[in-house]
């Protein structure tokens, strides 16, 4: 999750939002202390009953989704992804370009 925090910091004040959805069965009791202990400041939602996970068809953890401003998924990846790495940053930049030309970029793994 350090790369999630770093990406959150990189995109602050820009037209990108970084958030995490936790599916921990213990809910907020597990998430809040972890966030506080590590100094994470990005938005963390709790999906204890996995309602959102099911709606998105999530099968593996971690799963990363990139959505455009209309809420459409424009990229998805499974497993660890460095959200602060150059490949992901380039992907985010390409989402805007892709919208202009009508092609979706591939999320780096």
N, C-alpha and C. Protein backbone atom coordinates (compact mmCIF):
# COMPACT_ATOMS: atom_id res chain seq x y z
N UNK A 1 0.79 -1.20 0.00
CA UNK A 1 0.00 0.00 0.00
C UNK A 1 0.83 1.27 0.00
N UNK A 2 2.14 1.18 0.21
CA UNK A 2 2.93 2.41 0.11
C UNK A 2 2.83 3.06 -1.27
N UNK A 3 2.72 2.27 -2.35
CA UNK A 3 2.62 2.89 -3.67
C UNK A 3 1.25 3.55 -3.86
N UNK A 4 0.22 3.04 -3.17
CA UNK A 4 -1.10 3.69 -3.23
C UNK A 4 -0.99 5.08 -2.59
N UNK A 5 -0.32 5.15 -1.44
CA UNK A 5 -0.13 6.43 -0.76
C UNK A 5 0.67 7.39 -1.63
N UNK A 6 1.74 6.88 -2.23
CA UNK A 6 2.59 7.74 -3.06
C UNK A 6 1.80 8.25 -4.27
N UNK A 7 1.00 7.38 -4.90
CA UNK A 7 0.18 7.81 -6.04
C UNK A 7 -0.83 8.85 -5.59
N UNK A 8 -1.42 8.64 -4.42
CA UNK A 8 -2.37 9.62 -3.86
C UNK A 8 -1.69 10.99 -3.74
N UNK A 9 -0.48 11.00 -3.24
CA UNK A 9 0.25 12.26 -3.08
C UNK A 9 0.60 12.87 -4.44
N UNK A 10 0.99 12.03 -5.40
CA UNK A 10 1.35 12.53 -6.73
C UNK A 10 0.17 13.16 -7.45
N UNK A 11 -1.02 12.60 -7.25
CA UNK A 11 -2.20 13.06 -7.98
C UNK A 11 -3.03 14.09 -7.22
N UNK A 12 -2.65 14.41 -5.99
CA UNK A 12 -3.42 15.41 -5.23
C UNK A 12 -3.51 16.71 -6.00
N UNK A 13 -4.70 17.30 -6.04
CA UNK A 13 -4.89 18.55 -6.74
C UNK A 13 -5.05 18.39 -8.24
N UNK A 14 -5.01 17.15 -8.72
CA UNK A 14 -5.19 16.88 -10.15
C UNK A 14 -6.54 16.21 -10.34
N UNK A 15 -6.86 15.90 -11.55
CA UNK A 15 -8.16 15.33 -11.87
C UNK A 15 -8.14 13.80 -11.76
N UNK A 16 -7.45 13.29 -10.72
CA UNK A 16 -7.34 11.85 -10.49
C UNK A 16 -7.59 11.61 -9.01
N UNK A 17 -8.37 10.58 -8.70
CA UNK A 17 -8.64 10.22 -7.31
C UNK A 17 -8.15 8.80 -7.07
N UNK A 18 -7.40 8.63 -6.01
CA UNK A 18 -6.93 7.30 -5.62
C UNK A 18 -7.73 6.89 -4.39
N UNK A 19 -8.35 5.72 -4.45
CA UNK A 19 -9.02 5.22 -3.26
C UNK A 19 -8.85 3.71 -3.20
N UNK A 20 -9.00 3.21 -2.01
CA UNK A 20 -8.88 1.78 -1.77
C UNK A 20 -10.22 1.28 -1.25
N UNK A 21 -10.58 0.07 -1.65
CA UNK A 21 -11.76 -0.58 -1.10
C UNK A 21 -11.28 -1.84 -0.41
N UNK A 22 -11.43 -1.88 0.90
CA UNK A 22 -11.02 -3.04 1.68
C UNK A 22 -12.16 -4.04 1.76
N UNK A 23 -11.83 -5.32 1.58
CA UNK A 23 -12.84 -6.37 1.72
C UNK A 23 -12.58 -7.20 2.98
N UNK A 24 -11.83 -6.64 3.90
CA UNK A 24 -11.52 -7.33 5.15
C UNK A 24 -12.82 -7.64 5.90
N UNK A 25 -12.98 -8.88 6.29
CA UNK A 25 -14.18 -9.31 6.99
C UNK A 25 -14.39 -8.65 8.34
N UNK A 26 -13.32 -8.08 8.90
CA UNK A 26 -13.45 -7.39 10.19
C UNK A 26 -13.86 -5.94 10.02
N UNK A 27 -13.95 -5.50 8.79
CA UNK A 27 -14.43 -4.16 8.50
C UNK A 27 -13.53 -3.06 9.02
N UNK A 28 -14.18 -1.98 9.42
CA UNK A 28 -13.48 -0.77 9.88
C UNK A 28 -12.55 -1.05 11.05
N UNK A 29 -12.89 -2.03 11.89
CA UNK A 29 -12.03 -2.37 13.03
C UNK A 29 -10.63 -2.76 12.59
N UNK A 30 -10.50 -3.36 11.43
CA UNK A 30 -9.19 -3.77 10.91
C UNK A 30 -8.55 -2.67 10.07
N UNK A 31 -9.35 -1.94 9.33
CA UNK A 31 -8.82 -0.97 8.37
C UNK A 31 -8.30 0.29 9.05
N UNK A 32 -9.08 0.88 9.93
CA UNK A 32 -8.70 2.16 10.54
C UNK A 32 -7.36 2.11 11.26
N UNK A 33 -7.11 1.10 12.10
CA UNK A 33 -5.80 1.06 12.78
C UNK A 33 -4.63 0.91 11.81
N UNK A 34 -4.83 0.14 10.73
CA UNK A 34 -3.77 -0.04 9.74
C UNK A 34 -3.47 1.28 9.03
N UNK A 35 -4.52 1.98 8.64
CA UNK A 35 -4.34 3.27 7.97
C UNK A 35 -3.60 4.25 8.88
N UNK A 36 -4.01 4.30 10.12
CA UNK A 36 -3.39 5.22 11.08
C UNK A 36 -1.95 4.84 11.38
N UNK A 37 -1.70 3.55 11.58
CA UNK A 37 -0.35 3.09 11.93
C UNK A 37 0.67 3.42 10.85
N UNK A 38 0.24 3.40 9.60
CA UNK A 38 1.17 3.65 8.49
C UNK A 38 1.10 5.08 7.96
N UNK A 39 0.20 5.88 8.52
CA UNK A 39 0.09 7.27 8.09
C UNK A 39 -0.54 7.43 6.72
N UNK A 40 -1.35 6.46 6.30
CA UNK A 40 -1.99 6.55 4.99
C UNK A 40 -3.10 7.59 5.03
N UNK A 41 -3.15 8.43 4.01
CA UNK A 41 -4.14 9.50 3.97
C UNK A 41 -5.09 9.38 2.78
N UNK A 42 -4.91 8.36 1.93
CA UNK A 42 -5.82 8.18 0.81
C UNK A 42 -7.16 7.64 1.31
N UNK A 43 -8.19 7.82 0.51
CA UNK A 43 -9.52 7.38 0.90
C UNK A 43 -9.59 5.86 0.91
N UNK A 44 -10.11 5.31 1.98
CA UNK A 44 -10.26 3.86 2.11
C UNK A 44 -11.71 3.56 2.47
N UNK A 45 -12.37 2.86 1.58
CA UNK A 45 -13.75 2.44 1.81
C UNK A 45 -13.75 0.99 2.29
N UNK A 46 -14.77 0.60 3.02
CA UNK A 46 -14.86 -0.76 3.55
C UNK A 46 -16.04 -1.47 2.90
N UNK A 47 -15.77 -2.60 2.29
CA UNK A 47 -16.79 -3.42 1.64
C UNK A 47 -16.82 -4.78 2.34
N UNK A 48 -17.17 -4.75 3.60
CA UNK A 48 -17.11 -5.93 4.47
C UNK A 48 -17.95 -7.09 3.91
N UNK A 49 -19.08 -6.79 3.30
CA UNK A 49 -19.95 -7.84 2.76
C UNK A 49 -19.66 -8.16 1.29
N UNK A 50 -18.64 -7.50 0.74
CA UNK A 50 -18.18 -7.71 -0.63
C UNK A 50 -19.25 -7.39 -1.67
N UNK A 51 -20.14 -6.47 -1.36
CA UNK A 51 -21.19 -6.09 -2.30
C UNK A 51 -20.62 -5.40 -3.53
N UNK A 52 -19.71 -4.45 -3.31
CA UNK A 52 -19.07 -3.74 -4.43
C UNK A 52 -18.17 -4.70 -5.20
N UNK A 53 -17.43 -5.53 -4.49
CA UNK A 53 -16.54 -6.50 -5.15
C UNK A 53 -17.33 -7.39 -6.09
N UNK A 54 -18.49 -7.85 -5.68
CA UNK A 54 -19.32 -8.69 -6.55
C UNK A 54 -19.83 -7.90 -7.75
N UNK A 55 -20.23 -6.65 -7.53
CA UNK A 55 -20.72 -5.83 -8.64
C UNK A 55 -19.65 -5.64 -9.72
N UNK A 56 -18.39 -5.55 -9.28
CA UNK A 56 -17.29 -5.36 -10.21
C UNK A 56 -16.76 -6.68 -10.76
N UNK A 57 -17.27 -7.80 -10.25
CA UNK A 57 -16.79 -9.10 -10.70
C UNK A 57 -15.39 -9.41 -10.21
N UNK A 58 -14.99 -8.84 -9.09
CA UNK A 58 -13.65 -9.03 -8.55
C UNK A 58 -13.44 -10.48 -8.13
N UNK A 59 -12.34 -11.08 -8.57
CA UNK A 59 -12.03 -12.47 -8.25
C UNK A 59 -10.73 -12.65 -7.46
N UNK A 60 -9.81 -11.72 -7.63
CA UNK A 60 -8.50 -11.84 -6.99
C UNK A 60 -8.18 -10.58 -6.20
N UNK A 61 -7.32 -10.73 -5.20
CA UNK A 61 -6.87 -9.60 -4.39
C UNK A 61 -5.36 -9.53 -4.50
N UNK A 62 -4.78 -8.38 -4.73
CA UNK A 62 -5.45 -7.12 -4.98
C UNK A 62 -5.89 -7.00 -6.43
N UNK A 63 -6.93 -6.21 -6.66
CA UNK A 63 -7.41 -5.87 -7.99
C UNK A 63 -7.37 -4.36 -8.10
N UNK A 64 -6.89 -3.87 -9.24
CA UNK A 64 -6.83 -2.43 -9.49
C UNK A 64 -7.76 -2.11 -10.65
N UNK A 65 -8.63 -1.13 -10.45
CA UNK A 65 -9.50 -0.63 -11.51
C UNK A 65 -9.17 0.82 -11.76
N UNK A 66 -9.20 1.21 -13.01
CA UNK A 66 -9.05 2.61 -13.39
C UNK A 66 -10.36 2.98 -14.08
N UNK A 67 -10.97 4.04 -13.58
CA UNK A 67 -12.25 4.49 -14.12
C UNK A 67 -12.11 5.90 -14.68
N UNK A 68 -12.86 6.18 -15.73
CA UNK A 68 -12.85 7.53 -16.26
C UNK A 68 -13.85 8.39 -15.50
N UNK A 69 -13.98 9.64 -15.90
CA UNK A 69 -14.85 10.56 -15.17
C UNK A 69 -16.33 10.19 -15.25
N UNK A 70 -16.68 9.39 -16.23
CA UNK A 70 -18.06 8.94 -16.36
C UNK A 70 -18.33 7.69 -15.52
N UNK A 71 -17.30 7.14 -14.88
CA UNK A 71 -17.46 5.95 -14.06
C UNK A 71 -17.29 4.64 -14.80
N UNK A 72 -16.88 4.70 -16.06
CA UNK A 72 -16.64 3.49 -16.83
C UNK A 72 -15.24 2.96 -16.54
N UNK A 73 -15.11 1.66 -16.40
CA UNK A 73 -13.80 1.04 -16.18
C UNK A 73 -13.02 1.10 -17.49
N UNK A 74 -11.84 1.70 -17.44
CA UNK A 74 -11.00 1.83 -18.63
C UNK A 74 -9.73 1.01 -18.51
N UNK A 75 -9.56 0.34 -17.38
CA UNK A 75 -8.40 -0.52 -17.19
C UNK A 75 -8.57 -1.33 -15.93
N UNK A 76 -8.00 -2.53 -15.92
CA UNK A 76 -8.06 -3.37 -14.73
C UNK A 76 -6.82 -4.25 -14.71
N UNK A 77 -6.36 -4.56 -13.52
CA UNK A 77 -5.20 -5.43 -13.37
C UNK A 77 -5.30 -6.19 -12.06
N UNK A 78 -4.68 -7.35 -12.03
CA UNK A 78 -4.71 -8.20 -10.84
C UNK A 78 -3.30 -8.40 -10.33
N UNK A 79 -3.17 -8.50 -9.03
CA UNK A 79 -1.86 -8.67 -8.42
C UNK A 79 -1.25 -7.33 -8.10
N UNK A 80 -0.03 -7.34 -7.60
CA UNK A 80 0.60 -6.08 -7.20
C UNK A 80 0.91 -5.21 -8.42
N UNK A 81 0.52 -3.95 -8.32
CA UNK A 81 0.80 -2.95 -9.36
C UNK A 81 1.38 -1.74 -8.64
N UNK A 82 2.51 -1.26 -9.13
CA UNK A 82 3.13 -0.08 -8.53
C UNK A 82 2.41 1.17 -9.04
N UNK A 83 1.48 1.68 -8.24
CA UNK A 83 0.68 2.83 -8.65
C UNK A 83 1.49 4.11 -8.76
N UNK A 84 2.70 4.11 -8.24
CA UNK A 84 3.56 5.29 -8.34
C UNK A 84 4.68 5.07 -9.35
N UNK A 85 4.67 3.91 -10.01
CA UNK A 85 5.72 3.60 -10.97
C UNK A 85 5.48 4.27 -12.32
N UNK A 86 6.52 4.39 -13.12
CA UNK A 86 6.41 5.10 -14.39
C UNK A 86 5.40 4.47 -15.36
N UNK A 87 5.28 3.14 -15.35
CA UNK A 87 4.34 2.49 -16.26
C UNK A 87 2.91 2.87 -15.93
N UNK A 88 2.56 2.87 -14.64
CA UNK A 88 1.20 3.21 -14.26
C UNK A 88 0.93 4.70 -14.51
N UNK A 89 1.89 5.55 -14.20
CA UNK A 89 1.72 6.97 -14.43
C UNK A 89 1.51 7.26 -15.92
N UNK A 90 2.24 6.54 -16.76
CA UNK A 90 2.07 6.70 -18.20
C UNK A 90 0.68 6.19 -18.62
N UNK A 91 0.24 5.10 -18.01
CA UNK A 91 -1.09 4.58 -18.31
C UNK A 91 -2.17 5.61 -17.99
N UNK A 92 -2.08 6.22 -16.80
CA UNK A 92 -3.07 7.22 -16.41
C UNK A 92 -3.07 8.37 -17.42
N UNK A 93 -1.90 8.81 -17.83
CA UNK A 93 -1.82 9.88 -18.82
C UNK A 93 -2.44 9.45 -20.14
N UNK A 94 -2.28 8.17 -20.49
CA UNK A 94 -2.81 7.69 -21.77
C UNK A 94 -4.32 7.54 -21.75
N UNK A 95 -4.94 7.45 -20.57
CA UNK A 95 -6.39 7.34 -20.50
C UNK A 95 -7.04 8.57 -21.12
N UNK A 96 -6.50 9.73 -20.82
CA UNK A 96 -7.05 10.96 -21.39
C UNK A 96 -6.90 10.97 -22.91
N UNK A 97 -5.72 10.59 -23.38
CA UNK A 97 -5.48 10.54 -24.82
C UNK A 97 -6.39 9.52 -25.48
N UNK A 98 -6.56 8.37 -24.84
CA UNK A 98 -7.40 7.30 -25.39
C UNK A 98 -8.84 7.76 -25.56
N UNK A 99 -9.32 8.56 -24.64
CA UNK A 99 -10.68 9.07 -24.74
C UNK A 99 -10.84 9.92 -25.99
N UNK A 100 -9.79 10.61 -26.35
CA UNK A 100 -9.84 11.47 -27.53
C UNK A 100 -9.85 10.67 -28.82
N UNK A 101 -9.15 9.52 -28.84
CA UNK A 101 -9.05 8.74 -30.08
C UNK A 101 -9.94 7.49 -30.06
N UNK A 102 -10.60 7.22 -28.93
CA UNK A 102 -11.53 6.11 -28.87
C UNK A 102 -10.93 4.74 -28.65
N UNK A 103 -9.69 4.66 -28.12
CA UNK A 103 -9.05 3.37 -27.83
C UNK A 103 -8.68 3.32 -26.38
N UNK A 104 -8.86 2.17 -25.75
CA UNK A 104 -8.48 2.03 -24.35
C UNK A 104 -7.06 1.49 -24.25
N UNK A 105 -6.24 2.08 -23.39
CA UNK A 105 -4.88 1.57 -23.18
C UNK A 105 -4.91 0.31 -22.33
N UNK A 106 -3.83 -0.43 -22.30
CA UNK A 106 -3.70 -1.62 -21.49
C UNK A 106 -3.01 -1.28 -20.19
N UNK A 107 -3.59 -1.73 -19.06
CA UNK A 107 -3.02 -1.46 -17.74
C UNK A 107 -1.75 -2.27 -17.56
N UNK A 108 -0.63 -1.65 -17.14
CA UNK A 108 0.62 -2.38 -16.95
C UNK A 108 0.52 -3.35 -15.79
N UNK A 109 1.15 -4.49 -15.91
CA UNK A 109 1.16 -5.51 -14.84
C UNK A 109 2.51 -5.54 -14.18
